[in-house]
Amino acid sequence: MSDKKAALFNQKDLFAYFIVAGLGACVQLLAGGLIKDWFRVSYEDSILPAYFIALVVGFFLTKLFAFNARQSKQTRREMFKYVLVASFSGIITWLFSTIPYDFIHARYPDFFFHIPYSVKKINITQIGTTIHGMGYSFVSNYILHKTFTFKSSGFYDRFKDLLK
């Protein structure tokens, strides 16, 4: 394996990012369920708001733990780039969640788990397709955050100059 690939996929960063992304995934799944229940929106309409709630949590955890960017002193620049990358990955999450869900839902009934002693039913089909979308998003997020967001590339300065 080349040194560039080895540096991109080093075990320490990948493991730390996996843990951080796992916490973000839990926040996203919980937020998506609450958004669907509280605001009575469809599964498809709950994915992006839940993703962006998890994005806020994910930024700080990623900065602190995943890519050794704790003392970078470029938090504003990293936030800007993080939102760009996360917006792209949010679309990936939505597409790779809704397309498989629509495909499965058109052919089979949704599978539910009824929480004992509760009126709440959890849609396992939707959770499964959301996790599917998160998997694709995880890969794009990891690569883009490691090579772009938490690395000084000059992009932020060029973008600021463009806006002047």
N, C-alpha and C. Protein backbone atom coordinates (compact mmCIF):
# COMPACT_ATOMS: atom_id res chain seq x y z
N MET A 1 0.84 -1.17 0.00
CA MET A 1 0.00 0.00 0.00
C MET A 1 0.89 1.24 0.00
N SER A 2 0.50 2.26 -0.73
CA SER A 2 1.32 3.46 -0.81
C SER A 2 1.25 4.22 0.52
N ASP A 3 2.25 5.09 0.73
CA ASP A 3 2.28 5.89 1.96
C ASP A 3 1.09 6.82 2.05
N LYS A 4 0.62 7.33 0.90
CA LYS A 4 -0.52 8.24 0.89
C LYS A 4 -1.79 7.52 1.36
N LYS A 5 -2.03 6.30 0.87
CA LYS A 5 -3.19 5.53 1.30
C LYS A 5 -3.05 5.14 2.77
N ALA A 6 -1.86 4.76 3.18
CA ALA A 6 -1.63 4.38 4.57
C ALA A 6 -1.93 5.57 5.48
N ALA A 7 -1.51 6.77 5.08
CA ALA A 7 -1.76 7.96 5.89
C ALA A 7 -3.25 8.29 5.93
N LEU A 8 -3.94 8.08 4.85
CA LEU A 8 -5.37 8.37 4.80
C LEU A 8 -6.16 7.42 5.70
N PHE A 9 -5.82 6.15 5.67
CA PHE A 9 -6.57 5.16 6.42
C PHE A 9 -5.77 4.61 7.61
N ASN A 10 -5.11 5.49 8.37
CA ASN A 10 -4.36 4.98 9.52
C ASN A 10 -5.34 4.55 10.60
N GLN A 11 -4.99 3.50 11.31
CA GLN A 11 -5.91 2.84 12.24
C GLN A 11 -6.38 3.75 13.37
N LYS A 12 -5.49 4.57 13.90
CA LYS A 12 -5.85 5.43 15.02
C LYS A 12 -6.96 6.42 14.62
N ASP A 13 -6.75 7.13 13.51
CA ASP A 13 -7.75 8.10 13.05
C ASP A 13 -9.06 7.40 12.67
N LEU A 14 -8.95 6.28 11.99
CA LEU A 14 -10.14 5.56 11.55
C LEU A 14 -10.95 5.07 12.75
N PHE A 15 -10.29 4.52 13.75
CA PHE A 15 -10.98 4.04 14.94
C PHE A 15 -11.64 5.19 15.70
N ALA A 16 -10.89 6.28 15.91
CA ALA A 16 -11.44 7.44 16.62
C ALA A 16 -12.63 8.01 15.86
N TYR A 17 -12.51 8.11 14.54
CA TYR A 17 -13.61 8.64 13.74
C TYR A 17 -14.82 7.71 13.79
N PHE A 18 -14.59 6.41 13.79
CA PHE A 18 -15.68 5.43 13.87
C PHE A 18 -16.45 5.61 15.17
N ILE A 19 -15.76 5.79 16.28
CA ILE A 19 -16.42 5.99 17.57
C ILE A 19 -17.23 7.29 17.56
N VAL A 20 -16.61 8.37 17.09
CA VAL A 20 -17.29 9.66 17.02
C VAL A 20 -18.50 9.58 16.08
N ALA A 21 -18.32 8.95 14.92
CA ALA A 21 -19.43 8.81 13.97
C ALA A 21 -20.54 7.93 14.55
N GLY A 22 -20.17 6.95 15.33
CA GLY A 22 -21.17 6.10 15.98
C GLY A 22 -22.04 6.89 16.95
N LEU A 23 -21.40 7.77 17.71
CA LEU A 23 -22.17 8.64 18.60
C LEU A 23 -23.09 9.57 17.80
N GLY A 24 -22.56 10.10 16.70
CA GLY A 24 -23.38 10.95 15.83
C GLY A 24 -24.54 10.17 15.22
N ALA A 25 -24.30 8.91 14.86
CA ALA A 25 -25.36 8.07 14.30
C ALA A 25 -26.46 7.84 15.32
N CYS A 26 -26.08 7.63 16.57
CA CYS A 26 -27.08 7.46 17.64
C CYS A 26 -27.92 8.72 17.80
N VAL A 27 -27.26 9.87 17.79
CA VAL A 27 -27.97 11.16 17.88
C VAL A 27 -28.92 11.30 16.69
N GLN A 28 -28.43 10.96 15.50
CA GLN A 28 -29.26 11.09 14.30
C GLN A 28 -30.47 10.16 14.35
N LEU A 29 -30.29 8.92 14.75
CA LEU A 29 -31.42 7.98 14.83
C LEU A 29 -32.44 8.44 15.86
N LEU A 30 -31.97 8.88 17.02
CA LEU A 30 -32.88 9.36 18.06
C LEU A 30 -33.62 10.62 17.60
N ALA A 31 -32.88 11.57 17.03
CA ALA A 31 -33.49 12.82 16.55
C ALA A 31 -34.50 12.54 15.44
N GLY A 32 -34.16 11.63 14.53
CA GLY A 32 -35.08 11.30 13.44
C GLY A 32 -36.38 10.72 13.95
N GLY A 33 -36.30 9.83 14.92
CA GLY A 33 -37.51 9.25 15.51
C GLY A 33 -38.36 10.30 16.22
N LEU A 34 -37.69 11.17 16.97
CA LEU A 34 -38.43 12.22 17.67
C LEU A 34 -39.06 13.21 16.69
N ILE A 35 -38.32 13.58 15.66
CA ILE A 35 -38.87 14.51 14.66
C ILE A 35 -40.09 13.91 13.98
N LYS A 36 -40.01 12.64 13.61
CA LYS A 36 -41.17 11.97 12.98
C LYS A 36 -42.37 11.97 13.92
N ASP A 37 -42.15 11.63 15.18
CA ASP A 37 -43.25 11.54 16.14
C ASP A 37 -43.80 12.91 16.53
N TRP A 38 -42.93 13.84 16.87
CA TRP A 38 -43.37 15.14 17.38
C TRP A 38 -43.98 16.02 16.29
N PHE A 39 -43.38 16.01 15.11
CA PHE A 39 -43.82 16.92 14.05
C PHE A 39 -44.66 16.22 12.99
N ARG A 40 -44.86 14.93 13.17
CA ARG A 40 -45.69 14.13 12.27
C ARG A 40 -45.28 14.33 10.80
N VAL A 41 -43.99 14.15 10.56
CA VAL A 41 -43.47 14.24 9.19
C VAL A 41 -43.13 12.83 8.72
N SER A 42 -42.94 12.70 7.42
CA SER A 42 -42.62 11.39 6.85
C SER A 42 -41.19 11.00 7.19
N TYR A 43 -40.90 9.74 6.97
CA TYR A 43 -39.53 9.22 7.16
C TYR A 43 -38.55 10.03 6.33
N GLU A 44 -38.87 10.24 5.07
CA GLU A 44 -37.98 10.96 4.16
C GLU A 44 -37.72 12.39 4.64
N ASP A 45 -38.76 13.03 5.19
CA ASP A 45 -38.63 14.41 5.64
C ASP A 45 -37.91 14.53 6.99
N SER A 46 -37.75 13.43 7.70
CA SER A 46 -37.07 13.49 9.00
C SER A 46 -35.57 13.27 8.90
N ILE A 47 -35.09 12.76 7.79
CA ILE A 47 -33.67 12.38 7.68
C ILE A 47 -32.74 13.58 7.73
N LEU A 48 -32.96 14.58 6.91
CA LEU A 48 -32.02 15.72 6.86
C LEU A 48 -32.03 16.56 8.14
N PRO A 49 -33.19 16.89 8.73
CA PRO A 49 -33.12 17.63 10.00
C PRO A 49 -32.37 16.85 11.09
N ALA A 50 -32.60 15.55 11.16
CA ALA A 50 -31.89 14.72 12.14
C ALA A 50 -30.39 14.70 11.83
N TYR A 51 -30.05 14.64 10.56
CA TYR A 51 -28.64 14.63 10.15
C TYR A 51 -27.96 15.92 10.60
N PHE A 52 -28.63 17.06 10.41
CA PHE A 52 -28.01 18.33 10.76
C PHE A 52 -27.97 18.56 12.27
N ILE A 53 -28.85 17.95 13.03
CA ILE A 53 -28.73 17.98 14.50
C ILE A 53 -27.48 17.21 14.91
N ALA A 54 -27.29 16.04 14.32
CA ALA A 54 -26.11 15.23 14.62
C ALA A 54 -24.84 15.90 14.13
N LEU A 55 -24.93 16.71 13.10
CA LEU A 55 -23.78 17.43 12.55
C LEU A 55 -23.15 18.33 13.60
N VAL A 56 -23.97 19.03 14.38
CA VAL A 56 -23.47 19.95 15.40
C VAL A 56 -22.67 19.18 16.44
N VAL A 57 -23.23 18.08 16.92
CA VAL A 57 -22.54 17.24 17.90
C VAL A 57 -21.26 16.68 17.27
N GLY A 58 -21.37 16.22 16.04
CA GLY A 58 -20.25 15.59 15.35
C GLY A 58 -19.06 16.50 15.14
N PHE A 59 -19.30 17.78 14.85
CA PHE A 59 -18.18 18.69 14.61
C PHE A 59 -17.26 18.75 15.81
N PHE A 60 -17.83 19.01 16.98
CA PHE A 60 -17.00 19.19 18.16
C PHE A 60 -16.31 17.88 18.57
N LEU A 61 -17.02 16.78 18.46
CA LEU A 61 -16.39 15.50 18.79
C LEU A 61 -15.28 15.15 17.79
N THR A 62 -15.52 15.42 16.51
CA THR A 62 -14.50 15.13 15.49
C THR A 62 -13.28 16.00 15.70
N LYS A 63 -13.50 17.28 15.95
CA LYS A 63 -12.38 18.20 16.17
C LYS A 63 -11.56 17.78 17.38
N LEU A 64 -12.24 17.40 18.45
CA LEU A 64 -11.53 17.07 19.69
C LEU A 64 -10.83 15.71 19.66
N PHE A 65 -11.47 14.73 19.00
CA PHE A 65 -10.97 13.37 19.17
C PHE A 65 -10.48 12.67 17.91
N ALA A 66 -10.97 13.04 16.73
CA ALA A 66 -10.70 12.19 15.56
C ALA A 66 -9.42 12.53 14.80
N PHE A 67 -9.14 13.77 14.54
CA PHE A 67 -8.04 14.09 13.63
C PHE A 67 -6.97 14.97 14.26
N ASN A 68 -6.81 14.92 15.56
CA ASN A 68 -5.78 15.70 16.25
C ASN A 68 -5.86 17.17 15.88
N ALA A 69 -7.06 17.71 15.78
CA ALA A 69 -7.23 19.12 15.40
C ALA A 69 -7.62 19.97 16.61
N ARG A 70 -7.42 19.43 17.79
CA ARG A 70 -7.84 20.10 19.02
C ARG A 70 -7.21 21.47 19.18
N GLN A 71 -5.93 21.60 18.89
CA GLN A 71 -5.25 22.87 19.08
C GLN A 71 -4.91 23.58 17.76
N SER A 72 -5.74 23.38 16.76
CA SER A 72 -5.42 23.94 15.44
C SER A 72 -5.61 25.46 15.37
N LYS A 73 -6.41 26.03 16.27
CA LYS A 73 -6.70 27.47 16.28
C LYS A 73 -7.32 27.94 14.95
N GLN A 74 -8.00 27.03 14.26
CA GLN A 74 -8.66 27.37 13.01
C GLN A 74 -10.13 26.91 13.05
N THR A 75 -10.75 27.04 14.21
CA THR A 75 -12.08 26.48 14.40
C THR A 75 -13.10 27.05 13.42
N ARG A 76 -13.09 28.37 13.19
CA ARG A 76 -14.06 28.97 12.28
C ARG A 76 -13.88 28.43 10.86
N ARG A 77 -12.64 28.35 10.43
CA ARG A 77 -12.31 27.81 9.10
C ARG A 77 -12.75 26.35 9.02
N GLU A 78 -12.48 25.57 10.05
CA GLU A 78 -12.86 24.15 10.06
C GLU A 78 -14.38 23.99 10.08
N MET A 79 -15.08 24.87 10.81
CA MET A 79 -16.55 24.81 10.83
C MET A 79 -17.12 25.02 9.43
N PHE A 80 -16.59 26.02 8.74
CA PHE A 80 -17.06 26.32 7.39
C PHE A 80 -16.87 25.11 6.47
N LYS A 81 -15.66 24.56 6.49
CA LYS A 81 -15.38 23.41 5.65
C LYS A 81 -16.17 22.18 6.10
N TYR A 82 -16.36 22.04 7.41
CA TYR A 82 -17.14 20.92 7.94
C TYR A 82 -18.58 20.97 7.43
N VAL A 83 -19.18 22.16 7.43
CA VAL A 83 -20.56 22.30 6.95
C VAL A 83 -20.64 21.99 5.46
N LEU A 84 -19.64 22.40 4.68
CA LEU A 84 -19.63 22.07 3.24
C LEU A 84 -19.61 20.55 3.04
N VAL A 85 -18.67 19.89 3.71
CA VAL A 85 -18.54 18.43 3.58
C VAL A 85 -19.79 17.74 4.11
N ALA A 86 -20.27 18.18 5.26
CA ALA A 86 -21.44 17.55 5.87
C ALA A 86 -22.70 17.74 5.04
N SER A 87 -22.82 18.86 4.37
CA SER A 87 -23.98 19.09 3.50
C SER A 87 -23.97 18.08 2.34
N PHE A 88 -22.81 17.90 1.75
CA PHE A 88 -22.66 16.90 0.69
C PHE A 88 -23.00 15.51 1.23
N SER A 89 -22.47 15.18 2.39
CA SER A 89 -22.72 13.87 2.98
C SER A 89 -24.17 13.70 3.45
N GLY A 90 -24.80 14.81 3.81
CA GLY A 90 -26.22 14.76 4.17
C GLY A 90 -27.07 14.32 2.98
N ILE A 91 -26.72 14.82 1.83
CA ILE A 91 -27.43 14.41 0.60
C ILE A 91 -27.17 12.93 0.33
N ILE A 92 -25.93 12.49 0.53
CA ILE A 92 -25.62 11.06 0.37
C ILE A 92 -26.45 10.22 1.33
N THR A 93 -26.51 10.64 2.60
CA THR A 93 -27.31 9.92 3.59
C THR A 93 -28.76 9.83 3.14
N TRP A 94 -29.31 10.95 2.71
CA TRP A 94 -30.73 10.97 2.31
C TRP A 94 -30.98 10.05 1.11
N LEU A 95 -30.13 10.16 0.10
CA LEU A 95 -30.31 9.34 -1.10
C LEU A 95 -30.18 7.84 -0.80
N PHE A 96 -29.12 7.47 -0.07
CA PHE A 96 -28.88 6.06 0.20
C PHE A 96 -29.75 5.52 1.34
N SER A 97 -30.59 6.36 1.91
CA SER A 97 -31.60 5.90 2.87
C SER A 97 -32.96 5.78 2.20
N THR A 98 -33.34 6.81 1.44
CA THR A 98 -34.69 6.83 0.88
C THR A 98 -34.87 5.91 -0.32
N ILE A 99 -33.87 5.83 -1.18
CA ILE A 99 -34.01 4.97 -2.37
C ILE A 99 -34.18 3.50 -1.98
N PRO A 100 -33.32 2.96 -1.10
CA PRO A 100 -33.54 1.56 -0.68
C PRO A 100 -34.86 1.39 0.08
N TYR A 101 -35.22 2.40 0.91
CA TYR A 101 -36.47 2.29 1.64
C TYR A 101 -37.66 2.22 0.68
N ASP A 102 -37.69 3.11 -0.30
CA ASP A 102 -38.78 3.09 -1.28
C ASP A 102 -38.83 1.77 -2.02
N PHE A 103 -37.67 1.23 -2.38
CA PHE A 103 -37.61 -0.05 -3.07
C PHE A 103 -38.17 -1.18 -2.20
N ILE A 104 -37.70 -1.26 -0.96
CA ILE A 104 -38.16 -2.31 -0.05
C ILE A 104 -39.63 -2.12 0.30
N HIS A 105 -40.01 -0.88 0.62
CA HIS A 105 -41.38 -0.58 1.04
C HIS A 105 -42.40 -0.90 -0.06
N ALA A 106 -42.01 -0.76 -1.32
CA ALA A 106 -42.91 -1.05 -2.44
C ALA A 106 -43.16 -2.55 -2.59
N ARG A 107 -42.27 -3.37 -2.07
CA ARG A 107 -42.37 -4.83 -2.25
C ARG A 107 -42.79 -5.58 -1.00
N TYR A 108 -42.46 -5.04 0.17
CA TYR A 108 -42.71 -5.73 1.43
C TYR A 108 -43.26 -4.75 2.45
N PRO A 109 -44.05 -5.25 3.40
CA PRO A 109 -44.51 -4.34 4.47
C PRO A 109 -43.34 -4.03 5.41
N ASP A 110 -43.41 -2.87 6.05
CA ASP A 110 -42.38 -2.50 7.02
C ASP A 110 -42.38 -3.48 8.18
N PHE A 111 -41.21 -3.70 8.76
CA PHE A 111 -41.06 -4.58 9.90
C PHE A 111 -40.94 -3.70 11.15
N PHE A 112 -41.78 -3.98 12.15
CA PHE A 112 -41.80 -3.17 13.36
C PHE A 112 -41.40 -4.00 14.57
N PHE A 113 -40.81 -3.31 15.55
CA PHE A 113 -40.55 -3.89 16.86
C PHE A 113 -41.38 -3.11 17.85
N HIS A 114 -42.23 -3.80 18.59
CA HIS A 114 -43.07 -3.15 19.59
C HIS A 114 -42.34 -3.18 20.93
N ILE A 115 -42.11 -2.01 21.50
CA ILE A 115 -41.42 -1.93 22.79
C ILE A 115 -42.37 -2.46 23.86
N PRO A 116 -41.92 -3.45 24.64
CA PRO A 116 -42.79 -4.02 25.68
C PRO A 116 -43.27 -2.97 26.67
N TYR A 117 -44.53 -3.08 27.06
CA TYR A 117 -45.17 -2.17 28.03
C TYR A 117 -45.22 -0.74 27.52
N SER A 118 -45.30 -0.56 26.22
CA SER A 118 -45.31 0.77 25.63
C SER A 118 -46.22 0.76 24.41
N VAL A 119 -46.62 1.93 23.99
CA VAL A 119 -47.40 2.04 22.75
C VAL A 119 -46.49 2.30 21.56
N LYS A 120 -45.21 2.49 21.83
CA LYS A 120 -44.25 2.84 20.77
C LYS A 120 -43.85 1.61 19.97
N LYS A 121 -43.94 1.77 18.65
CA LYS A 121 -43.43 0.76 17.71
C LYS A 121 -42.26 1.39 16.97
N ILE A 122 -41.18 0.63 16.83
CA ILE A 122 -40.00 1.11 16.12
C ILE A 122 -39.97 0.45 14.74
N ASN A 123 -39.85 1.28 13.71
CA ASN A 123 -39.82 0.79 12.34
C ASN A 123 -38.40 0.32 12.01
N ILE A 124 -38.18 -0.98 12.07
CA ILE A 124 -36.87 -1.57 11.83
C ILE A 124 -36.43 -1.37 10.37
N THR A 125 -37.38 -1.39 9.45
CA THR A 125 -37.06 -1.17 8.04
C THR A 125 -36.44 0.21 7.84
N GLN A 126 -37.04 1.23 8.44
CA GLN A 126 -36.51 2.58 8.31
C GLN A 126 -35.16 2.72 9.01
N ILE A 127 -35.01 2.12 10.16
CA ILE A 127 -33.72 2.19 10.85
C ILE A 127 -32.63 1.52 10.00
N GLY A 128 -32.96 0.37 9.43
CA GLY A 128 -31.99 -0.34 8.59
C GLY A 128 -31.57 0.46 7.37
N THR A 129 -32.53 1.10 6.70
CA THR A 129 -32.16 1.88 5.52
C THR A 129 -31.43 3.16 5.91
N THR A 130 -31.75 3.71 7.07
CA THR A 130 -31.02 4.89 7.54
C THR A 130 -29.56 4.52 7.83
N ILE A 131 -29.34 3.40 8.48
CA ILE A 131 -27.97 2.94 8.76
C ILE A 131 -27.23 2.67 7.45
N HIS A 132 -27.93 2.14 6.46
CA HIS A 132 -27.35 1.94 5.13
C HIS A 132 -26.85 3.28 4.57
N GLY A 133 -27.69 4.30 4.62
CA GLY A 133 -27.30 5.63 4.13
C GLY A 133 -26.15 6.21 4.94
N MET A 134 -26.17 5.97 6.25
CA MET A 134 -25.09 6.46 7.11
C MET A 134 -23.75 5.81 6.75
N GLY A 135 -23.79 4.57 6.34
CA GLY A 135 -22.55 3.88 5.95
C GLY A 135 -21.87 4.56 4.79
N TYR A 136 -22.64 4.90 3.77
CA TYR A 136 -22.07 5.61 2.62
C TYR A 136 -21.57 7.00 3.03
N SER A 137 -22.35 7.66 3.88
CA SER A 137 -21.97 8.98 4.36
C SER A 137 -20.70 8.91 5.20
N PHE A 138 -20.55 7.85 6.00
CA PHE A 138 -19.36 7.68 6.83
C PHE A 138 -18.10 7.68 5.98
N VAL A 139 -18.13 6.94 4.88
CA VAL A 139 -16.95 6.85 4.02
C VAL A 139 -16.62 8.20 3.41
N SER A 140 -17.61 8.89 2.86
CA SER A 140 -17.33 10.19 2.25
C SER A 140 -16.90 11.20 3.30
N ASN A 141 -17.56 11.19 4.47
CA ASN A 141 -17.18 12.12 5.54
C ASN A 141 -15.75 11.89 6.00
N TYR A 142 -15.40 10.65 6.25
CA TYR A 142 -14.05 10.36 6.75
C TYR A 142 -12.99 10.87 5.78
N ILE A 143 -13.13 10.52 4.53
CA ILE A 143 -12.13 10.91 3.53
C ILE A 143 -12.07 12.43 3.38
N LEU A 144 -13.23 13.07 3.26
CA LEU A 144 -13.24 14.52 3.04
C LEU A 144 -12.81 15.30 4.28
N HIS A 145 -13.23 14.85 5.48
CA HIS A 145 -12.80 15.56 6.68
C HIS A 145 -11.30 15.41 6.91
N LYS A 146 -10.78 14.24 6.65
CA LYS A 146 -9.34 13.99 6.87
C LYS A 146 -8.50 14.77 5.85
N THR A 147 -8.94 14.81 4.60
CA THR A 147 -8.12 15.44 3.55
C THR A 147 -8.46 16.90 3.27
N PHE A 148 -9.59 17.39 3.81
CA PHE A 148 -10.02 18.74 3.48
C PHE A 148 -10.37 19.56 4.72
N THR A 149 -11.32 19.10 5.53
CA THR A 149 -11.83 19.91 6.64
C THR A 149 -10.76 20.24 7.67
N PHE A 150 -10.08 19.23 8.15
CA PHE A 150 -9.12 19.43 9.24
C PHE A 150 -7.68 19.46 8.74
N LYS A 151 -7.53 19.93 7.52
CA LYS A 151 -6.21 20.09 6.92
C LYS A 151 -6.19 21.46 6.25
N SER A 152 -5.14 22.21 6.45
CA SER A 152 -5.06 23.52 5.84
C SER A 152 -4.77 23.36 4.35
N SER A 153 -5.76 23.73 3.55
CA SER A 153 -5.63 23.56 2.10
C SER A 153 -5.57 24.88 1.35
N GLY A 154 -5.82 25.99 2.06
CA GLY A 154 -5.87 27.28 1.40
C GLY A 154 -7.24 27.58 0.81
N PHE A 155 -8.16 26.60 0.84
CA PHE A 155 -9.49 26.78 0.26
C PHE A 155 -10.25 27.90 0.95
N TYR A 156 -10.24 27.91 2.27
CA TYR A 156 -10.99 28.89 3.04
C TYR A 156 -10.52 30.31 2.70
N ASP A 157 -9.19 30.51 2.63
CA ASP A 157 -8.66 31.83 2.30
C ASP A 157 -9.05 32.25 0.89
N ARG A 158 -8.98 31.32 -0.07
CA ARG A 158 -9.37 31.64 -1.45
C ARG A 158 -10.87 31.96 -1.51
N PHE A 159 -11.69 31.24 -0.74
CA PHE A 159 -13.13 31.51 -0.74
C PHE A 159 -13.43 32.87 -0.13
N LYS A 160 -12.75 33.23 0.96
CA LYS A 160 -12.93 34.55 1.57
C LYS A 160 -12.56 35.64 0.59
N ASP A 161 -11.44 35.46 -0.12
CA ASP A 161 -11.01 36.44 -1.10
C ASP A 161 -12.02 36.60 -2.23
N LEU A 162 -12.64 35.51 -2.60
CA LEU A 162 -13.65 35.52 -3.66
C LEU A 162 -14.88 36.34 -3.25
N LEU A 163 -15.23 36.29 -1.97
CA LEU A 163 -16.41 37.00 -1.49
C LEU A 163 -16.18 38.49 -1.27
N LYS A 164 -14.94 38.93 -1.27
CA LYS A 164 -14.63 40.37 -1.04
C LYS A 164 -15.01 41.19 -2.23
